[in-house]
């Protein structure tokens, strides 16, 4: 028996796994992984009709479907709590998520999502705690972040997020404890909104943010803040001194801070 199982696994490895048409599911299916598959709208419509109890759906790197198939999922898989659409190239602005009420984690990294598209999906987004928008066109200015007010974990690195977008996030998302905004064009103005209003923040990524003047930031209100990742020429010793007033800071990653002396990196090296 063990040899048969091993042979089956080996064959899957050799031939790239099951095709989407061969993946089995029924009314009791709660988790479905279609990543890297060729998936049609018709297949998504069948899944949505067959699997009313679906809780997890992974479409990362999947191709062949449009917003029509995704709309069926939004309409009928109302128990979905985890939905991942990495590299999904569909017209998100045509979607309507008004029935989508139980979602907890939404991953849209490297997709064609826009402010309007996100706004359409999260009409009932108060259950969403995790949102991944890495490397997208999201600016954040046209999103009603009040519909995402229970966000705890937000990734916006390599996105088009603006200072105004960060201001709206900071006003609406008071529960935010994890934020990635590395390699964006934000300035100290946008970051200061986060530092002043997101008082539950514990971890922040600011790699490669070259438009921030760190000497203008006030870190004093963050009593739960523990971990900060920095990198790039914008970080200077004067800016670092401002950061060190944060009373709860435990871990400071300074790799790639080329304008800091190496001693600083050794002092704050992670254990």
Protein backbone atom coordinates (compact mmCIF):
# COMPACT_ATOMS: atom_id res chain seq x y z
CA UNK A 1 0.00 0.00 0.00
CA UNK A 2 2.79 2.41 0.94
CA UNK A 3 4.51 1.67 -2.36
CA UNK A 4 1.31 2.51 -4.26
CA UNK A 5 0.96 5.83 -2.43
CA UNK A 6 4.60 6.67 -3.09
CA UNK A 7 4.21 5.81 -6.77
CA UNK A 8 1.11 8.03 -7.01
CA UNK A 9 2.93 10.97 -5.44
CA UNK A 10 5.90 10.42 -7.74
CA UNK A 11 3.69 10.41 -10.81
CA UNK A 12 2.06 13.66 -9.71
CA UNK A 13 5.51 15.18 -9.31
CA UNK A 14 6.63 14.00 -12.76
CA UNK A 15 3.54 15.09 -14.64
CA UNK A 16 2.73 18.33 -12.82
CA UNK A 17 -0.23 17.20 -10.73
CA UNK A 18 -3.90 16.98 -11.57
CA UNK A 19 -5.53 19.10 -14.24
CA UNK A 20 -8.41 21.29 -13.06
CA UNK A 21 -10.88 19.03 -14.89
CA UNK A 22 -9.65 16.06 -12.84
CA UNK A 23 -9.92 17.69 -9.41
CA UNK A 24 -12.82 16.19 -7.49
CA UNK A 25 -15.25 18.18 -5.39
CA UNK A 26 -18.80 17.84 -4.05
CA UNK A 27 -21.29 19.52 -1.72
CA UNK A 28 -19.10 18.69 1.30
CA UNK A 29 -15.91 20.20 -0.12
CA UNK A 30 -14.61 23.04 2.05
CA UNK A 31 -11.14 23.55 0.54
CA UNK A 32 -10.15 23.71 -3.11
CA UNK A 33 -6.72 24.44 -4.59
CA UNK A 34 -6.71 25.31 -8.30
CA UNK A 35 -3.41 27.18 -8.29
CA UNK A 36 -1.43 27.11 -11.56
CA UNK A 37 -4.36 25.43 -13.33
CA UNK A 38 -6.23 26.23 -16.53
CA UNK A 39 -9.69 27.09 -15.20
CA UNK A 40 -12.72 28.17 -17.23
CA UNK A 41 -15.70 30.29 -16.21
CA UNK A 42 -17.87 27.21 -16.65
CA UNK A 43 -15.76 25.29 -14.15
CA UNK A 44 -15.95 28.10 -11.60
CA UNK A 45 -19.71 28.30 -12.10
CA UNK A 46 -20.00 24.55 -11.49
CA UNK A 47 -17.83 24.79 -8.37
CA UNK A 48 -19.94 27.66 -7.05
CA UNK A 49 -23.12 25.66 -7.62
CA UNK A 50 -21.77 22.38 -6.26
CA UNK A 51 -19.81 23.59 -3.21
CA UNK A 52 -22.02 25.85 -1.07
CA UNK A 53 -19.88 25.10 1.99
CA UNK A 54 -16.58 26.07 0.37
CA UNK A 55 -14.37 27.94 2.85
CA UNK A 56 -11.02 28.12 1.05
CA UNK A 57 -10.37 28.73 -2.66
CA UNK A 58 -6.91 29.17 -4.13
CA UNK A 59 -6.67 30.46 -7.71
CA UNK A 60 -3.07 31.67 -7.55
CA UNK A 61 -1.46 31.76 -11.00
CA UNK A 62 -4.57 30.17 -12.51
CA UNK A 63 -5.57 31.26 -16.02
CA UNK A 64 -8.46 30.90 -18.45
CA UNK A 65 -11.29 32.51 -16.51
CA UNK A 66 -12.83 35.98 -16.42
CA UNK A 67 -14.74 38.10 -13.91
CA UNK A 68 -17.89 36.15 -14.81
CA UNK A 69 -16.60 32.98 -13.19
CA UNK A 70 -15.37 34.85 -10.13
CA UNK A 71 -18.75 36.59 -9.82
CA UNK A 72 -20.44 33.21 -9.46
CA UNK A 73 -18.07 32.39 -6.62
CA UNK A 74 -18.83 35.71 -4.93
CA UNK A 75 -22.58 35.14 -5.28
CA UNK A 76 -22.87 31.50 -4.22
CA UNK A 77 -19.89 30.59 -2.04
CA UNK A 78 -21.08 32.77 0.80
CA UNK A 79 -19.19 30.74 3.42
CA UNK A 80 -15.84 31.47 1.79
CA UNK A 81 -13.35 32.78 4.36
CA UNK A 82 -10.07 32.50 2.40
CA UNK A 83 -9.81 33.60 -1.24
CA UNK A 84 -6.48 33.93 -3.04
CA UNK A 85 -6.10 35.34 -6.57
CA UNK A 86 -2.40 36.02 -7.04
CA UNK A 87 -1.56 37.11 -10.60
CA UNK A 88 -5.24 37.11 -11.53
CA UNK A 89 -5.73 39.19 -14.70
CA UNK A 90 -9.45 39.88 -14.82
CA UNK A 91 -11.65 42.97 -14.84
CA UNK A 92 -12.16 43.38 -11.10
CA UNK A 93 -14.18 46.55 -11.68
CA UNK A 94 -17.03 44.43 -13.07
CA UNK A 95 -17.40 42.43 -9.84
CA UNK A 96 -20.01 42.91 -7.14
CA UNK A 97 -19.41 41.42 -3.71
CA UNK A 98 -22.66 42.41 -2.01
CA UNK A 99 -23.31 38.75 -0.99
CA UNK A 100 -19.73 38.18 0.10
CA UNK A 101 -20.10 38.52 3.88
CA UNK A 102 -17.82 36.04 5.66
CA UNK A 103 -14.45 36.61 4.03
CA UNK A 104 -11.50 36.73 6.43
CA UNK A 105 -8.43 36.66 4.16
CA UNK A 106 -8.20 38.11 0.64
CA UNK A 107 -4.96 37.83 -1.36
CA UNK A 108 -4.77 39.86 -4.58
CA UNK A 109 -1.02 40.32 -4.98
CA UNK A 110 0.28 40.87 -8.53
CA UNK A 111 -3.28 41.04 -9.86
CA UNK A 112 -5.05 43.71 -11.90
CA UNK A 113 -7.02 44.94 -8.89
CA UNK A 114 -7.78 48.67 -8.72
CA UNK A 115 -9.33 50.94 -6.11
CA UNK A 116 -12.73 50.58 -7.77
CA UNK A 117 -12.36 46.81 -8.08
CA UNK A 118 -11.47 46.45 -4.41
CA UNK A 119 -14.37 48.68 -3.46
CA UNK A 120 -16.71 46.41 -5.42
CA UNK A 121 -15.47 43.20 -3.80
CA UNK A 122 -15.51 44.34 -0.17
CA UNK A 123 -18.97 45.89 0.02
CA UNK A 124 -19.36 43.74 3.14
CA UNK A 125 -15.72 43.63 4.20
CA UNK A 126 -16.06 44.01 7.95
CA UNK A 127 -14.96 40.39 8.47
CA UNK A 128 -11.74 40.81 6.47
CA UNK A 129 -8.68 40.81 8.74
CA UNK A 130 -5.96 40.02 6.16
CA UNK A 131 -5.53 41.81 2.81
CA UNK A 132 -2.59 41.32 0.44
CA UNK A 133 -2.26 43.98 -2.29
CA UNK A 134 1.45 43.59 -3.02
CA UNK A 135 2.52 44.86 -6.46
CA UNK A 136 -0.86 46.21 -7.56
CA UNK A 137 -2.26 49.49 -8.91
CA UNK A 138 -3.99 50.22 -5.61
CA UNK A 139 -3.74 53.88 -4.58
CA UNK A 140 -6.15 53.66 -1.69
CA UNK A 141 -7.74 57.04 -2.33
CA UNK A 142 -11.01 55.74 -3.82
CA UNK A 143 -11.51 52.90 -1.35
CA UNK A 144 -13.95 53.26 1.52
CA UNK A 145 -11.67 51.72 4.14
CA UNK A 146 -14.47 51.93 6.70
CA UNK A 147 -15.79 48.77 5.04
CA UNK A 148 -12.45 47.18 6.00
CA UNK A 149 -12.29 48.63 9.48
CA UNK A 150 -11.35 45.31 11.10
CA UNK A 151 -8.19 44.86 9.05
CA UNK A 152 -5.25 43.63 11.13
CA UNK A 153 -2.74 42.56 8.47
CA UNK A 154 -2.22 44.70 5.33
CA UNK A 155 0.40 44.37 2.58
CA UNK A 156 0.84 47.29 0.16
CA UNK A 157 4.50 46.96 -0.82
CA UNK A 158 5.31 47.78 -4.47
CA UNK A 159 1.81 49.23 -4.87
CA UNK A 160 0.72 52.73 -5.93
CA UNK A 161 -0.46 53.65 -2.43
CA UNK A 162 -0.41 57.40 -1.76
CA UNK A 163 -0.18 59.58 1.32
CA UNK A 164 -3.90 60.30 1.00
CA UNK A 165 -4.58 56.58 0.79
CA UNK A 166 -2.58 55.99 3.98
CA UNK A 167 -4.49 58.78 5.69
CA UNK A 168 -7.78 57.07 4.88
CA UNK A 169 -6.44 53.72 6.09
CA UNK A 170 -5.18 55.21 9.35
CA UNK A 171 -8.56 56.82 10.04
CA UNK A 172 -10.60 53.67 9.38
CA UNK A 173 -8.39 50.72 10.35
CA UNK A 174 -7.66 51.11 14.05
CA UNK A 175 -6.99 47.39 14.58
CA UNK A 176 -4.06 47.28 12.17
CA UNK A 177 -1.03 45.62 13.75
CA UNK A 178 0.98 44.54 10.66
CA UNK A 179 1.71 46.83 7.69
CA UNK A 180 4.02 46.47 4.68
CA UNK A 181 4.50 49.60 2.54
CA UNK A 182 8.01 48.95 1.22
CA UNK A 183 9.16 50.27 -2.17
CA UNK A 184 6.34 52.79 -2.54
CA UNK A 185 6.32 56.53 -3.21
CA UNK A 186 4.84 57.49 0.13
CA UNK A 187 6.36 60.34 2.14
CA UNK A 188 6.73 61.09 5.83
CA UNK A 189 3.31 62.77 5.67
CA UNK A 190 1.58 59.48 4.92
CA UNK A 191 3.62 57.49 7.40
CA UNK A 192 2.90 59.99 10.16
CA UNK A 193 -0.83 59.38 9.74
CA UNK A 194 -0.18 55.70 10.46
CA UNK A 195 2.07 56.42 13.45
CA UNK A 196 -0.50 58.73 15.02
CA UNK A 197 -3.70 56.75 14.49
CA UNK A 198 -2.80 53.06 14.18
CA UNK A 199 -1.75 52.75 17.80
CA UNK A 200 -2.03 48.93 17.78
CA UNK A 201 0.72 48.63 15.16
CA UNK A 202 3.42 46.12 16.14
CA UNK A 203 5.28 45.49 12.87
CA UNK A 204 6.09 47.86 9.97
CA UNK A 205 8.07 47.36 6.74
CA UNK A 206 9.59 50.48 5.15
CA UNK A 207 12.27 49.11 2.83
CA UNK A 208 13.20 51.32 -0.10
CA UNK A 209 10.90 54.26 0.71
CA UNK A 210 13.16 57.01 -0.61
CA UNK A 211 10.69 59.90 -0.23
CA UNK A 212 10.44 59.67 3.56
CA UNK A 213 12.24 62.21 5.73
CA UNK A 214 12.69 60.10 8.84
CA UNK A 215 13.73 63.12 10.89
CA UNK A 216 10.15 64.43 10.60
CA UNK A 217 8.49 61.33 12.03
CA UNK A 218 7.17 61.07 15.58
CA UNK A 219 7.15 57.50 16.91
CA UNK A 220 6.19 58.35 20.48
CA UNK A 221 2.52 57.24 20.35
CA UNK A 222 3.25 53.62 19.45
CA UNK A 223 3.23 51.83 22.81
CA UNK A 224 2.81 48.34 21.26
CA UNK A 225 5.26 48.74 18.39
CA UNK A 226 7.99 46.05 18.36
CA UNK A 227 9.49 45.42 14.91
CA UNK A 228 10.67 47.79 12.17
CA UNK A 229 12.31 46.90 8.86
CA UNK A 230 14.23 49.72 7.16
CA UNK A 231 16.42 49.96 4.09
CA UNK A 232 17.67 52.51 1.59
CA UNK A 233 19.51 55.84 1.53
CA UNK A 234 16.67 57.80 3.16
CA UNK A 235 17.54 56.36 6.57
CA UNK A 236 20.11 58.55 8.32
CA UNK A 237 21.51 58.64 11.84
CA UNK A 238 19.40 61.71 12.61
CA UNK A 239 16.28 59.85 11.51
CA UNK A 240 17.33 56.77 13.47
CA UNK A 241 17.60 58.80 16.65
CA UNK A 242 13.95 59.79 16.19
CA UNK A 243 12.96 56.13 15.88
CA UNK A 244 14.77 55.11 19.05
CA UNK A 245 12.40 57.14 21.23
CA UNK A 246 9.72 54.50 20.57
CA UNK A 247 9.38 52.91 24.03
CA UNK A 248 8.36 49.39 22.98
CA UNK A 249 10.70 48.84 20.00
CA UNK A 250 12.46 45.45 20.27
CA UNK A 251 13.73 44.55 16.79
CA UNK A 252 15.18 46.92 14.21
CA UNK A 253 16.41 45.63 10.86
CA UNK A 254 18.80 48.09 9.18
CA UNK A 255 20.14 45.96 6.33
CA UNK A 256 20.61 48.08 3.22
CA UNK A 257 20.66 51.39 5.11
CA UNK A 258 23.70 52.59 3.20
CA UNK A 259 23.95 55.95 4.96
CA UNK A 260 24.29 54.35 8.39
CA UNK A 261 27.53 53.19 9.91
CA UNK A 262 27.94 49.41 10.14
CA UNK A 263 28.00 49.65 13.94
CA UNK A 264 24.31 50.48 13.91
CA UNK A 265 23.51 47.32 11.99
CA UNK A 266 25.49 45.23 14.47
CA UNK A 267 23.81 46.84 17.47
CA UNK A 268 20.31 46.17 16.17
CA UNK A 269 20.95 42.85 14.43
CA UNK A 270 18.14 40.32 14.92
CA UNK A 271 18.95 37.56 17.42
